[in-house]
Amino acid sequence: MPKLKEKKQPFEAVARLIKGYGLTGYALADVMYCSEYTARERLRHPERLTLEELGFICKNGHIPADEIREAIKFS
């Protein structure tokens, strides 16, 4: 049986970028000023990130806004 290509998750590049900067779970919760549960859910479903949360990630997580824009653009 032929192997089928896996579908890419929407905004997968954004989650990969955030995780690449070492922001997972507890660290992301501190950056976004939210609970750890909310931060983990945002990583699981990055399409639910709000502009305010993306602003916190840029400002407090030290991820350049240009990199986040590029990741969103190609998602």
PDB file of N, CA and C in Angstrom:
ATOM      1  N   MET A   1       0.840  -1.174   0.000  1.00  0.00           N
ATOM      2  CA  MET A   1       0.000   0.000   0.000  1.00  0.00           C
ATOM      3  C   MET A   1       0.891   1.244   0.000  1.00  0.00           C
ATOM      4  N   PRO A   2       0.599   2.228  -0.828  1.00  0.00           N
ATOM      5  CA  PRO A   2       1.442   3.426  -0.868  1.00  0.00           C
ATOM      6  C   PRO A   2       1.272   4.274   0.392  1.00  0.00           C
ATOM      7  N   LYS A   3       2.359   4.913   0.729  1.00  0.00           N
ATOM      8  CA  LYS A   3       2.330   5.776   1.909  1.00  0.00           C
ATOM      9  C   LYS A   3       1.790   7.150   1.507  1.00  0.00           C
ATOM     10  N   LEU A   4       0.812   7.631   2.255  1.00  0.00           N
ATOM     11  CA  LEU A   4       0.209   8.932   1.976  1.00  0.00           C
ATOM     12  C   LEU A   4       0.993  10.034   2.685  1.00  0.00           C
ATOM     13  N   LYS A   5       1.035  11.187   2.061  1.00  0.00           N
ATOM     14  CA  LYS A   5       1.682  12.336   2.665  1.00  0.00           C
ATOM     15  C   LYS A   5       0.859  12.828   3.847  1.00  0.00           C
ATOM     16  N   GLU A   6       1.546  13.166   4.925  1.00  0.00           N
ATOM     17  CA  GLU A   6       0.834  13.693   6.090  1.00  0.00           C
ATOM     18  C   GLU A   6       0.441  15.140   5.834  1.00  0.00           C
ATOM     19  N   LYS A   7      -0.740  15.499   6.322  1.00  0.00           N
ATOM     20  CA  LYS A   7      -1.201  16.881   6.215  1.00  0.00           C
ATOM     21  C   LYS A   7      -0.485  17.739   7.243  1.00  0.00           C
ATOM     22  N   LYS A   8      -0.095  18.932   6.840  1.00  0.00           N
ATOM     23  CA  LYS A   8       0.518  19.856   7.785  1.00  0.00           C
ATOM     24  C   LYS A   8      -0.582  20.518   8.614  1.00  0.00           C
ATOM     25  N   GLN A   9      -0.306  20.678   9.875  1.00  0.00           N
ATOM     26  CA  GLN A   9      -1.235  21.378  10.750  1.00  0.00           C
ATOM     27  C   GLN A   9      -1.179  22.864  10.423  1.00  0.00           C
ATOM     28  N   PRO A  10      -2.293  23.579  10.530  1.00  0.00           N
ATOM     29  CA  PRO A  10      -2.248  25.020  10.302  1.00  0.00           C
ATOM     30  C   PRO A  10      -1.375  25.707  11.355  1.00  0.00           C
ATOM     31  N   PHE A  11      -0.574  26.649  10.923  1.00  0.00           N
ATOM     32  CA  PHE A  11       0.314  27.426  11.798  1.00  0.00           C
ATOM     33  C   PHE A  11       1.358  26.554  12.497  1.00  0.00           C
ATOM     34  N   GLU A  12       1.687  25.420  11.902  1.00  0.00           N
ATOM     35  CA  GLU A  12       2.699  24.532  12.478  1.00  0.00           C
ATOM     36  C   GLU A  12       4.044  25.241  12.592  1.00  0.00           C
ATOM     37  N   ALA A  13       4.350  26.094  11.626  1.00  0.00           N
ATOM     38  CA  ALA A  13       5.621  26.814  11.623  1.00  0.00           C
ATOM     39  C   ALA A  13       5.719  27.777  12.809  1.00  0.00           C
ATOM     40  N   VAL A  14       4.606  28.346  13.214  1.00  0.00           N
ATOM     41  CA  VAL A  14       4.604  29.273  14.354  1.00  0.00           C
ATOM     42  C   VAL A  14       4.929  28.512  15.640  1.00  0.00           C
ATOM     43  N   ALA A  15       4.288  27.375  15.836  1.00  0.00           N
ATOM     44  CA  ALA A  15       4.549  26.569  17.028  1.00  0.00           C
ATOM     45  C   ALA A  15       5.997  26.089  17.040  1.00  0.00           C
ATOM     46  N   ARG A  16       6.504  25.687  15.887  1.00  0.00           N
ATOM     47  CA  ARG A  16       7.884  25.216  15.796  1.00  0.00           C
ATOM     48  C   ARG A  16       8.853  26.349  16.122  1.00  0.00           C
ATOM     49  N   LEU A  17       8.551  27.568  15.668  1.00  0.00           N
ATOM     50  CA  LEU A  17       9.392  28.732  15.956  1.00  0.00           C
ATOM     51  C   LEU A  17       9.422  29.024  17.450  1.00  0.00           C
ATOM     52  N   ILE A  18       8.252  29.022  18.082  1.00  0.00           N
ATOM     53  CA  ILE A  18       8.174  29.314  19.518  1.00  0.00           C
ATOM     54  C   ILE A  18       8.919  28.247  20.316  1.00  0.00           C
ATOM     55  N   LYS A  19       8.723  26.995  19.973  1.00  0.00           N
ATOM     56  CA  LYS A  19       9.432  25.915  20.673  1.00  0.00           C
ATOM     57  C   LYS A  19      10.935  25.975  20.428  1.00  0.00           C
ATOM     58  N   GLY A  20      11.325  26.431  19.242  1.00  0.00           N
ATOM     59  CA  GLY A  20      12.743  26.543  18.911  1.00  0.00           C
ATOM     60  C   GLY A  20      13.473  27.555  19.778  1.00  0.00           C
ATOM     61  N   TYR A  21      12.763  28.539  20.270  1.00  0.00           N
ATOM     62  CA  TYR A  21      13.346  29.523  21.171  1.00  0.00           C
ATOM     63  C   TYR A  21      13.271  29.067  22.630  1.00  0.00           C
ATOM     64  N   GLY A  22      12.879  27.834  22.867  1.00  0.00           N
ATOM     65  CA  GLY A  22      12.858  27.288  24.219  1.00  0.00           C
ATOM     66  C   GLY A  22      11.640  27.668  25.036  1.00  0.00           C
ATOM     67  N   LEU A  23      10.590  28.156  24.397  1.00  0.00           N
ATOM     68  CA  LEU A  23       9.384  28.539  25.123  1.00  0.00           C
ATOM     69  C   LEU A  23       8.364  27.403  25.064  1.00  0.00           C
ATOM     70  N   THR A  24       8.398  26.553  26.046  1.00  0.00           N
ATOM     71  CA  THR A  24       7.431  25.464  26.121  1.00  0.00           C
ATOM     72  C   THR A  24       6.793  25.471  27.500  1.00  0.00           C
ATOM     73  N   GLY A  25       5.511  25.226  27.550  1.00  0.00           N
ATOM     74  CA  GLY A  25       4.782  25.086  28.811  1.00  0.00           C
ATOM     75  C   GLY A  25       4.961  26.231  29.783  1.00  0.00           C
ATOM     76  N   TYR A  26       5.700  25.971  30.837  1.00  0.00           N
ATOM     77  CA  TYR A  26       5.848  26.911  31.942  1.00  0.00           C
ATOM     78  C   TYR A  26       6.517  28.207  31.494  1.00  0.00           C
ATOM     79  N   ALA A  27       7.562  28.120  30.681  1.00  0.00           N
ATOM     80  CA  ALA A  27       8.279  29.318  30.222  1.00  0.00           C
ATOM     81  C   ALA A  27       7.364  30.201  29.379  1.00  0.00           C
ATOM     82  N   LEU A  28       6.570  29.590  28.507  1.00  0.00           N
ATOM     83  CA  LEU A  28       5.646  30.361  27.674  1.00  0.00           C
ATOM     84  C   LEU A  28       4.551  30.999  28.527  1.00  0.00           C
ATOM     85  N   ALA A  29       4.127  30.317  29.577  1.00  0.00           N
ATOM     86  CA  ALA A  29       3.111  30.877  30.475  1.00  0.00           C
ATOM     87  C   ALA A  29       3.629  32.139  31.150  1.00  0.00           C
ATOM     88  N   ASP A  30       4.894  32.142  31.553  1.00  0.00           N
ATOM     89  CA  ASP A  30       5.481  33.345  32.152  1.00  0.00           C
ATOM     90  C   ASP A  30       5.565  34.488  31.153  1.00  0.00           C
ATOM     91  N   VAL A  31       5.883  34.160  29.922  1.00  0.00           N
ATOM     92  CA  VAL A  31       6.017  35.185  28.881  1.00  0.00           C
ATOM     93  C   VAL A  31       4.670  35.799  28.535  1.00  0.00           C
ATOM     94  N   MET A  32       3.622  34.959  28.460  1.00  0.00           N
ATOM     95  CA  MET A  32       2.297  35.434  28.047  1.00  0.00           C
ATOM     96  C   MET A  32       1.413  35.876  29.211  1.00  0.00           C
ATOM     97  N   TYR A  33       1.889  35.764  30.446  1.00  0.00           N
ATOM     98  CA  TYR A  33       1.108  36.118  31.632  1.00  0.00           C
ATOM     99  C   TYR A  33      -0.209  35.343  31.683  1.00  0.00           C
ATOM    100  N   CYS A  34      -0.120  34.035  31.548  1.00  0.00           N
ATOM    101  CA  CYS A  34      -1.322  33.195  31.600  1.00  0.00           C
ATOM    102  C   CYS A  34      -0.976  31.907  32.341  1.00  0.00           C
ATOM    103  N   SER A  35      -1.958  31.016  32.444  1.00  0.00           N
ATOM    104  CA  SER A  35      -1.714  29.748  33.118  1.00  0.00           C
ATOM    105  C   SER A  35      -0.919  28.814  32.208  1.00  0.00           C
ATOM    106  N   GLU A  36      -0.311  27.816  32.821  1.00  0.00           N
ATOM    107  CA  GLU A  36       0.470  26.850  32.048  1.00  0.00           C
ATOM    108  C   GLU A  36      -0.433  26.054  31.104  1.00  0.00           C
ATOM    109  N   TYR A  37      -1.643  25.759  31.551  1.00  0.00           N
ATOM    110  CA  TYR A  37      -2.595  25.033  30.707  1.00  0.00           C
ATOM    111  C   TYR A  37      -2.904  25.823  29.434  1.00  0.00           C
ATOM    112  N   THR A  38      -3.147  27.124  29.577  1.00  0.00           N
ATOM    113  CA  THR A  38      -3.447  27.972  28.419  1.00  0.00           C
ATOM    114  C   THR A  38      -2.255  28.025  27.471  1.00  0.00           C
ATOM    115  N   ALA A  39      -1.060  28.141  28.017  1.00  0.00           N
ATOM    116  CA  ALA A  39       0.142  28.196  27.177  1.00  0.00           C
ATOM    117  C   ALA A  39       0.316  26.895  26.387  1.00  0.00           C
ATOM    118  N   ARG A  40       0.100  25.757  27.037  1.00  0.00           N
ATOM    119  CA  ARG A  40       0.224  24.477  26.329  1.00  0.00           C
ATOM    120  C   ARG A  40      -0.844  24.333  25.257  1.00  0.00           C
ATOM    121  N   GLU A  41      -2.047  24.811  25.530  1.00  0.00           N
ATOM    122  CA  GLU A  41      -3.115  24.754  24.519  1.00  0.00           C
ATOM    123  C   GLU A  41      -2.790  25.648  23.326  1.00  0.00           C
ATOM    124  N   ARG A  42      -2.169  26.812  23.578  1.00  0.00           N
ATOM    125  CA  ARG A  42      -1.792  27.700  22.476  1.00  0.00           C
ATOM    126  C   ARG A  42      -0.709  27.063  21.616  1.00  0.00           C
ATOM    127  N   LEU A  43       0.179  26.276  22.233  1.00  0.00           N
ATOM    128  CA  LEU A  43       1.197  25.580  21.444  1.00  0.00           C
ATOM    129  C   LEU A  43       0.581  24.439  20.637  1.00  0.00           C
ATOM    130  N   ARG A  44      -0.423  23.788  21.199  1.00  0.00           N
ATOM    131  CA  ARG A  44      -1.103  22.711  20.472  1.00  0.00           C
ATOM    132  C   ARG A  44      -1.923  23.253  19.313  1.00  0.00           C
ATOM    133  N   HIS A  45      -2.515  24.423  19.513  1.00  0.00           N
ATOM    134  CA  HIS A  45      -3.365  25.061  18.494  1.00  0.00           C
ATOM    135  C   HIS A  45      -2.901  26.510  18.309  1.00  0.00           C
ATOM    136  N   PRO A  46      -1.790  26.721  17.605  1.00  0.00           N
ATOM    137  CA  PRO A  46      -1.251  28.079  17.486  1.00  0.00           C
ATOM    138  C   PRO A  46      -2.127  29.031  16.683  1.00  0.00           C
ATOM    139  N   GLU A  47      -3.099  28.514  15.950  1.00  0.00           N
ATOM    140  CA  GLU A  47      -3.995  29.410  15.215  1.00  0.00           C
ATOM    141  C   GLU A  47      -4.890  30.199  16.163  1.00  0.00           C
ATOM    142  N   ARG A  48      -4.954  29.810  17.423  1.00  0.00           N
ATOM    143  CA  ARG A  48      -5.765  30.506  18.428  1.00  0.00           C
ATOM    144  C   ARG A  48      -5.012  31.617  19.155  1.00  0.00           C
ATOM    145  N   LEU A  49      -3.736  31.817  18.839  1.00  0.00           N
ATOM    146  CA  LEU A  49      -2.967  32.889  19.476  1.00  0.00           C
ATOM    147  C   LEU A  49      -3.558  34.246  19.085  1.00  0.00           C
ATOM    148  N   THR A  50      -3.743  35.102  20.069  1.00  0.00           N
ATOM    149  CA  THR A  50      -4.270  36.434  19.795  1.00  0.00           C
ATOM    150  C   THR A  50      -3.111  37.385  19.488  1.00  0.00           C
ATOM    151  N   LEU A  51      -3.437  38.563  18.964  1.00  0.00           N
ATOM    152  CA  LEU A  51      -2.407  39.556  18.686  1.00  0.00           C
ATOM    153  C   LEU A  51      -1.716  40.015  19.966  1.00  0.00           C
ATOM    154  N   GLU A  52      -2.480  40.095  21.040  1.00  0.00           N
ATOM    155  CA  GLU A  52      -1.891  40.494  22.318  1.00  0.00           C
ATOM    156  C   GLU A  52      -0.872  39.454  22.780  1.00  0.00           C
ATOM    157  N   GLU A  53      -1.217  38.177  22.657  1.00  0.00           N
ATOM    158  CA  GLU A  53      -0.299  37.110  23.063  1.00  0.00           C
ATOM    159  C   GLU A  53       0.943  37.084  22.170  1.00  0.00           C
ATOM    160  N   LEU A  54       0.763  37.317  20.871  1.00  0.00           N
ATOM    161  CA  LEU A  54       1.917  37.384  19.970  1.00  0.00           C
ATOM    162  C   LEU A  54       2.809  38.574  20.339  1.00  0.00           C
ATOM    163  N   GLY A  55       2.196  39.658  20.766  1.00  0.00           N
ATOM    164  CA  GLY A  55       2.971  40.813  21.222  1.00  0.00           C
ATOM    165  C   GLY A  55       3.798  40.489  22.461  1.00  0.00           C
ATOM    166  N   PHE A  56       3.203  39.761  23.402  1.00  0.00           N
ATOM    167  CA  PHE A  56       3.936  39.341  24.597  1.00  0.00           C
ATOM    168  C   PHE A  56       5.090  38.420  24.223  1.00  0.00           C
ATOM    169  N   ILE A  57       4.850  37.529  23.264  1.00  0.00           N
ATOM    170  CA  ILE A  57       5.897  36.601  22.843  1.00  0.00           C
ATOM    171  C   ILE A  57       7.052  37.368  22.208  1.00  0.00           C
ATOM    172  N   CYS A  58       6.742  38.386  21.414  1.00  0.00           N
ATOM    173  CA  CYS A  58       7.797  39.199  20.800  1.00  0.00           C
ATOM    174  C   CYS A  58       8.565  39.983  21.861  1.00  0.00           C
ATOM    175  N   LYS A  59       7.814  40.632  22.748  1.00  0.00           N
ATOM    176  CA  LYS A  59       8.423  41.534  23.727  1.00  0.00           C
ATOM    177  C   LYS A  59       9.138  40.774  24.848  1.00  0.00           C
ATOM    178  N   ASN A  60       8.460  39.823  25.462  1.00  0.00           N
ATOM    179  CA  ASN A  60       9.009  39.134  26.624  1.00  0.00           C
ATOM    180  C   ASN A  60       9.761  37.857  26.267  1.00  0.00           C
ATOM    181  N   GLY A  61       9.407  37.249  25.132  1.00  0.00           N
ATOM    182  CA  GLY A  61      10.069  36.013  24.722  1.00  0.00           C
ATOM    183  C   GLY A  61      11.260  36.261  23.823  1.00  0.00           C
ATOM    184  N   HIS A  62      11.470  37.517  23.442  1.00  0.00           N
ATOM    185  CA  HIS A  62      12.611  37.921  22.621  1.00  0.00           C
ATOM    186  C   HIS A  62      12.674  37.187  21.284  1.00  0.00           C
ATOM    187  N   ILE A  63      11.516  37.041  20.663  1.00  0.00           N
ATOM    188  CA  ILE A  63      11.446  36.493  19.311  1.00  0.00           C
ATOM    189  C   ILE A  63      11.118  37.667  18.392  1.00  0.00           C
ATOM    190  N   PRO A  64      11.940  37.907  17.382  1.00  0.00           N
ATOM    191  CA  PRO A  64      11.675  39.039  16.479  1.00  0.00           C
ATOM    192  C   PRO A  64      10.323  38.913  15.778  1.00  0.00           C
ATOM    193  N   ALA A  65       9.630  40.028  15.684  1.00  0.00           N
ATOM    194  CA  ALA A  65       8.298  40.044  15.060  1.00  0.00           C
ATOM    195  C   ALA A  65       8.374  39.627  13.599  1.00  0.00           C
ATOM    196  N   ASP A  66       9.471  39.967  12.929  1.00  0.00           N
ATOM    197  CA  ASP A  66       9.628  39.591  11.523  1.00  0.00           C
ATOM    198  C   ASP A  66       9.626  38.073  11.347  1.00  0.00           C
ATOM    199  N   GLU A  67      10.262  37.364  12.272  1.00  0.00           N
ATOM    200  CA  GLU A  67      10.286  35.901  12.186  1.00  0.00           C
ATOM    201  C   GLU A  67       8.892  35.315  12.385  1.00  0.00           C
ATOM    202  N   ILE A  68       8.133  35.888  13.292  1.00  0.00           N
ATOM    203  CA  ILE A  68       6.767  35.397  13.515  1.00  0.00           C
ATOM    204  C   ILE A  68       5.908  35.680  12.287  1.00  0.00           C
ATOM    205  N   ARG A  69       6.048  36.872  11.708  1.00  0.00           N
ATOM    206  CA  ARG A  69       5.296  37.187  10.484  1.00  0.00           C
ATOM    207  C   ARG A  69       5.619  36.218   9.360  1.00  0.00           C
ATOM    208  N   GLU A  70       6.885  35.897   9.183  1.00  0.00           N
ATOM    209  CA  GLU A  70       7.282  34.954   8.132  1.00  0.00           C
ATOM    210  C   GLU A  70       6.707  33.575   8.385  1.00  0.00           C
ATOM    211  N   ALA A  71       6.691  33.142   9.651  1.00  0.00           N
ATOM    212  CA  ALA A  71       6.141  31.829   9.991  1.00  0.00           C
ATOM    213  C   ALA A  71       4.641  31.790   9.724  1.00  0.00           C
ATOM    214  N   ILE A  72       3.941  32.875  10.001  1.00  0.00           N
ATOM    215  CA  ILE A  72       2.498  32.934   9.747  1.00  0.00           C
ATOM    216  C   ILE A  72       2.234  32.972   8.256  1.00  0.00           C
ATOM    217  N   LYS A  73       3.047  33.702   7.527  1.00  0.00           N
ATOM    218  CA  LYS A  73       2.869  33.857   6.092  1.00  0.00           C
ATOM    219  C   LYS A  73       2.940  32.512   5.359  1.00  0.00           C
ATOM    220  N   PHE A  74       3.839  31.640   5.788  1.00  0.00           N
ATOM    221  CA  PHE A  74       4.049  30.379   5.095  1.00  0.00           C
ATOM    222  C   PHE A  74       3.263  29.229   5.707  1.00  0.00           C
ATOM    223  N   SER A  75       2.358  29.530   6.626  1.00  0.00           N
ATOM    224  CA  SER A  75       1.553  28.463   7.236  1.00  0.00           C
ATOM    225  C   SER A  75       0.320  28.183   6.414  1.00  0.00           C
TER     226      SER A  75
END
